[in-house]
């Protein structure tokens, strides 16, 4: 089937043969699309852990490795209080 971007499956068709190594099923297309985009953003190691079913290693890879970023994300340095008005604003 032709689409505005070309023929569907063109990317895969150029890389034959392929082997299905992992699959998930969803009732809603939107849920499947969201999950596909999520996994596409993962590192190769994280995808390999998912394929292998190694949830422990997958969780280790999901942990933040950047100390500065982790502090911001976990609100160690900057959190909800950062955006709140101070008492001196009265």
N, C-alpha and C. Protein backbone atom coordinates (compact mmCIF):
# COMPACT_ATOMS: atom_id res chain seq x y z
N UNK A 1 0.84 -1.17 0.00
CA UNK A 1 0.00 0.00 0.00
C UNK A 1 0.89 1.24 0.00
N UNK A 2 0.59 2.16 -0.84
CA UNK A 2 1.39 3.39 -0.95
C UNK A 2 0.92 4.41 0.08
N UNK A 3 1.87 5.13 0.64
CA UNK A 3 1.56 6.22 1.56
C UNK A 3 2.28 7.45 1.08
N UNK A 4 2.06 8.56 1.76
CA UNK A 4 2.70 9.80 1.34
C UNK A 4 4.22 9.71 1.48
N UNK A 5 4.71 8.83 2.38
CA UNK A 5 6.14 8.68 2.60
C UNK A 5 6.76 7.58 1.77
N UNK A 6 6.01 6.91 0.94
CA UNK A 6 6.54 5.81 0.15
C UNK A 6 5.72 4.55 0.37
N UNK A 7 6.35 3.42 0.18
CA UNK A 7 5.67 2.13 0.31
C UNK A 7 5.86 1.61 1.73
N UNK A 8 4.80 1.11 2.33
CA UNK A 8 4.89 0.56 3.69
C UNK A 8 5.83 -0.64 3.69
N UNK A 9 6.62 -0.73 4.73
CA UNK A 9 7.54 -1.86 4.85
C UNK A 9 8.79 -1.71 4.01
N UNK A 10 8.98 -0.56 3.41
CA UNK A 10 10.14 -0.36 2.53
C UNK A 10 11.45 -0.49 3.31
N UNK A 11 11.50 0.05 4.51
CA UNK A 11 12.71 -0.03 5.33
C UNK A 11 13.07 -1.49 5.59
N UNK A 12 12.10 -2.28 5.99
CA UNK A 12 12.34 -3.70 6.29
C UNK A 12 12.61 -4.48 5.01
N UNK A 13 11.90 -4.17 3.95
CA UNK A 13 12.07 -4.90 2.70
C UNK A 13 13.49 -4.79 2.17
N UNK A 14 14.15 -3.67 2.44
CA UNK A 14 15.53 -3.49 1.97
C UNK A 14 16.52 -4.26 2.83
N UNK A 15 16.08 -4.78 3.97
CA UNK A 15 16.98 -5.44 4.90
C UNK A 15 16.63 -6.91 5.12
N UNK A 16 16.05 -7.53 4.14
CA UNK A 16 15.67 -8.95 4.24
C UNK A 16 16.90 -9.84 4.22
N UNK A 17 16.88 -11.00 4.83
CA UNK A 17 15.78 -11.55 5.61
C UNK A 17 15.78 -10.98 7.03
N UNK A 18 14.61 -10.96 7.64
CA UNK A 18 14.48 -10.51 9.02
C UNK A 18 13.95 -11.65 9.87
N UNK A 19 14.16 -11.55 11.16
CA UNK A 19 13.70 -12.58 12.09
C UNK A 19 13.01 -11.88 13.25
N UNK A 20 11.78 -12.26 13.53
CA UNK A 20 11.05 -11.69 14.65
C UNK A 20 11.61 -12.28 15.95
N UNK A 21 12.10 -11.40 16.83
CA UNK A 21 12.71 -11.87 18.08
C UNK A 21 11.93 -11.43 19.32
N UNK A 22 10.98 -10.52 19.16
CA UNK A 22 10.20 -10.05 20.30
C UNK A 22 8.89 -9.48 19.80
N UNK A 23 7.84 -9.69 20.57
CA UNK A 23 6.52 -9.22 20.16
C UNK A 23 5.68 -8.93 21.40
N UNK A 24 4.89 -7.88 21.35
CA UNK A 24 3.91 -7.56 22.38
C UNK A 24 2.58 -7.32 21.67
N UNK A 25 1.49 -7.60 22.37
CA UNK A 25 0.17 -7.41 21.80
C UNK A 25 -0.60 -6.37 22.61
N UNK A 26 -1.32 -5.52 21.91
CA UNK A 26 -2.12 -4.47 22.53
C UNK A 26 -3.50 -4.45 21.91
N UNK A 27 -4.50 -4.11 22.71
CA UNK A 27 -5.87 -4.02 22.20
C UNK A 27 -6.09 -2.76 21.37
N UNK A 28 -5.36 -1.70 21.71
CA UNK A 28 -5.52 -0.44 21.00
C UNK A 28 -4.26 -0.10 20.22
N UNK A 29 -4.43 0.36 19.01
CA UNK A 29 -3.31 0.74 18.14
C UNK A 29 -2.51 1.87 18.79
N UNK A 30 -3.18 2.80 19.44
CA UNK A 30 -2.48 3.93 20.06
C UNK A 30 -1.52 3.45 21.16
N UNK A 31 -1.93 2.43 21.91
CA UNK A 31 -1.06 1.87 22.95
C UNK A 31 0.16 1.20 22.33
N UNK A 32 -0.05 0.47 21.25
CA UNK A 32 1.05 -0.21 20.55
C UNK A 32 2.01 0.82 19.95
N UNK A 33 1.47 1.89 19.38
CA UNK A 33 2.30 2.93 18.79
C UNK A 33 3.14 3.61 19.87
N UNK A 34 2.53 3.92 21.02
CA UNK A 34 3.24 4.54 22.13
C UNK A 34 4.40 3.65 22.58
N UNK A 35 4.13 2.35 22.74
CA UNK A 35 5.16 1.42 23.19
C UNK A 35 6.28 1.31 22.15
N UNK A 36 5.93 1.26 20.88
CA UNK A 36 6.93 1.18 19.82
C UNK A 36 7.87 2.38 19.86
N UNK A 37 7.32 3.56 20.01
CA UNK A 37 8.15 4.77 20.08
C UNK A 37 9.01 4.76 21.34
N UNK A 38 8.48 4.24 22.44
CA UNK A 38 9.25 4.16 23.67
C UNK A 38 10.47 3.26 23.48
N UNK A 39 10.26 2.09 22.94
CA UNK A 39 11.36 1.12 22.76
C UNK A 39 12.35 1.63 21.71
N UNK A 40 11.89 2.32 20.70
CA UNK A 40 12.79 2.86 19.68
C UNK A 40 13.80 3.83 20.28
N UNK A 41 13.45 4.48 21.35
CA UNK A 41 14.35 5.43 21.99
C UNK A 41 15.36 4.79 22.93
N UNK A 42 15.25 3.50 23.15
CA UNK A 42 16.14 2.80 24.08
C UNK A 42 17.49 2.49 23.43
N UNK A 43 18.47 2.25 24.28
CA UNK A 43 19.79 1.83 23.80
C UNK A 43 19.73 0.39 23.30
N UNK A 44 20.74 0.01 22.55
CA UNK A 44 20.80 -1.36 22.03
C UNK A 44 20.84 -2.38 23.17
N UNK A 45 21.61 -2.09 24.23
CA UNK A 45 21.70 -3.00 25.38
C UNK A 45 20.35 -3.18 26.05
N UNK A 46 19.62 -2.10 26.17
CA UNK A 46 18.31 -2.17 26.81
C UNK A 46 17.34 -2.98 25.97
N UNK A 47 17.39 -2.82 24.66
CA UNK A 47 16.54 -3.61 23.77
C UNK A 47 16.91 -5.09 23.84
N UNK A 48 18.21 -5.39 23.91
CA UNK A 48 18.65 -6.78 24.01
C UNK A 48 18.18 -7.41 25.32
N UNK A 49 18.19 -6.65 26.41
CA UNK A 49 17.69 -7.15 27.69
C UNK A 49 16.20 -7.44 27.60
N UNK A 50 15.44 -6.59 26.91
CA UNK A 50 14.01 -6.82 26.72
C UNK A 50 13.78 -8.10 25.93
N UNK A 51 14.51 -8.28 24.85
CA UNK A 51 14.37 -9.48 24.01
C UNK A 51 14.70 -10.73 24.81
N UNK A 52 15.75 -10.65 25.64
CA UNK A 52 16.18 -11.81 26.43
C UNK A 52 15.27 -12.06 27.62
N UNK A 53 14.40 -11.11 27.94
CA UNK A 53 13.51 -11.26 29.08
C UNK A 53 14.23 -11.05 30.40
N UNK A 54 15.37 -10.38 30.36
CA UNK A 54 16.18 -10.12 31.56
C UNK A 54 15.70 -8.84 32.22
N UNK A 55 14.63 -8.96 33.02
CA UNK A 55 14.03 -7.77 33.62
C UNK A 55 14.96 -7.11 34.64
N UNK A 56 15.77 -7.89 35.33
CA UNK A 56 16.69 -7.31 36.31
C UNK A 56 17.70 -6.40 35.62
N UNK A 57 18.30 -6.88 34.52
CA UNK A 57 19.27 -6.08 33.78
C UNK A 57 18.57 -4.89 33.12
N UNK A 58 17.36 -5.10 32.65
CA UNK A 58 16.57 -4.02 32.04
C UNK A 58 16.35 -2.89 33.05
N UNK A 59 16.03 -3.23 34.29
CA UNK A 59 15.84 -2.22 35.33
C UNK A 59 17.16 -1.51 35.65
N UNK A 60 18.26 -2.24 35.66
CA UNK A 60 19.57 -1.62 35.89
C UNK A 60 19.89 -0.61 34.79
N UNK A 61 19.62 -0.98 33.56
CA UNK A 61 19.88 -0.08 32.43
C UNK A 61 18.95 1.13 32.45
N UNK A 62 17.78 0.98 33.04
CA UNK A 62 16.81 2.07 33.10
C UNK A 62 17.17 3.09 34.17
N UNK A 63 18.04 2.72 35.11
CA UNK A 63 18.43 3.65 36.16
C UNK A 63 19.26 4.78 35.56
N UNK A 64 19.10 5.93 36.12
CA UNK A 64 19.82 7.11 35.64
C UNK A 64 21.31 6.96 35.91
N UNK A 65 22.13 7.16 34.89
CA UNK A 65 23.58 7.02 35.00
C UNK A 65 24.28 8.37 35.11
N UNK A 66 23.53 9.44 34.91
CA UNK A 66 24.09 10.79 34.92
C UNK A 66 23.75 11.43 36.26
N UNK A 67 24.76 11.58 37.13
CA UNK A 67 24.51 12.06 38.49
C UNK A 67 23.82 13.42 38.52
N UNK A 68 24.25 14.35 37.69
CA UNK A 68 23.65 15.68 37.67
C UNK A 68 22.19 15.60 37.23
N UNK A 69 21.92 14.83 36.20
CA UNK A 69 20.56 14.67 35.69
C UNK A 69 19.68 14.00 36.74
N UNK A 70 20.21 12.98 37.41
CA UNK A 70 19.43 12.26 38.42
C UNK A 70 18.99 13.17 39.55
N UNK A 71 19.87 14.06 39.96
CA UNK A 71 19.51 14.97 41.04
C UNK A 71 18.35 15.86 40.63
N UNK A 72 18.35 16.33 39.39
CA UNK A 72 17.25 17.17 38.90
C UNK A 72 15.98 16.35 38.78
N UNK A 73 16.08 15.16 38.20
CA UNK A 73 14.91 14.32 37.98
C UNK A 73 14.31 13.87 39.30
N UNK A 74 15.15 13.52 40.26
CA UNK A 74 14.67 13.07 41.57
C UNK A 74 14.43 14.23 42.53
N UNK A 75 14.50 15.44 42.03
CA UNK A 75 14.24 16.64 42.80
C UNK A 75 15.22 16.79 43.96
N UNK A 76 16.45 16.31 43.78
CA UNK A 76 17.46 16.45 44.81
C UNK A 76 17.95 17.88 44.92
N UNK A 77 18.06 18.57 43.81
CA UNK A 77 18.53 19.95 43.83
C UNK A 77 17.42 20.92 43.49
N UNK A 78 16.67 20.59 42.48
CA UNK A 78 15.61 21.47 42.01
C UNK A 78 14.34 20.64 41.95
N UNK A 79 13.33 21.08 42.65
CA UNK A 79 12.09 20.31 42.67
C UNK A 79 10.89 21.20 42.54
N UNK A 80 9.79 20.73 43.09
CA UNK A 80 8.57 21.51 43.01
C UNK A 80 8.71 22.83 43.77
N UNK A 81 9.51 22.82 44.85
CA UNK A 81 9.70 24.04 45.62
C UNK A 81 10.35 25.14 44.79
N UNK A 82 11.13 24.76 43.80
CA UNK A 82 11.84 25.72 42.96
C UNK A 82 10.87 26.65 42.24
N UNK A 83 9.72 26.13 41.86
CA UNK A 83 8.75 26.91 41.08
C UNK A 83 7.75 27.64 41.98
N UNK A 84 7.83 27.42 43.29
CA UNK A 84 6.87 28.03 44.19
C UNK A 84 7.34 29.41 44.62
N UNK A 85 6.41 30.32 44.85
CA UNK A 85 6.80 31.64 45.32
C UNK A 85 7.37 31.56 46.73
N UNK A 86 8.30 32.42 47.05
CA UNK A 86 8.90 32.46 48.37
C UNK A 86 8.06 33.34 49.28
N UNK A 87 8.31 33.26 50.56
CA UNK A 87 7.58 34.08 51.54
C UNK A 87 7.86 35.56 51.34
N UNK A 88 9.03 35.90 50.81
CA UNK A 88 9.40 37.30 50.63
C UNK A 88 8.62 37.97 49.51
N UNK A 89 7.84 37.21 48.74
CA UNK A 89 7.07 37.77 47.64
C UNK A 89 5.81 38.45 48.12
N UNK A 90 5.47 38.30 49.40
CA UNK A 90 4.23 38.89 49.93
C UNK A 90 4.25 40.38 49.96
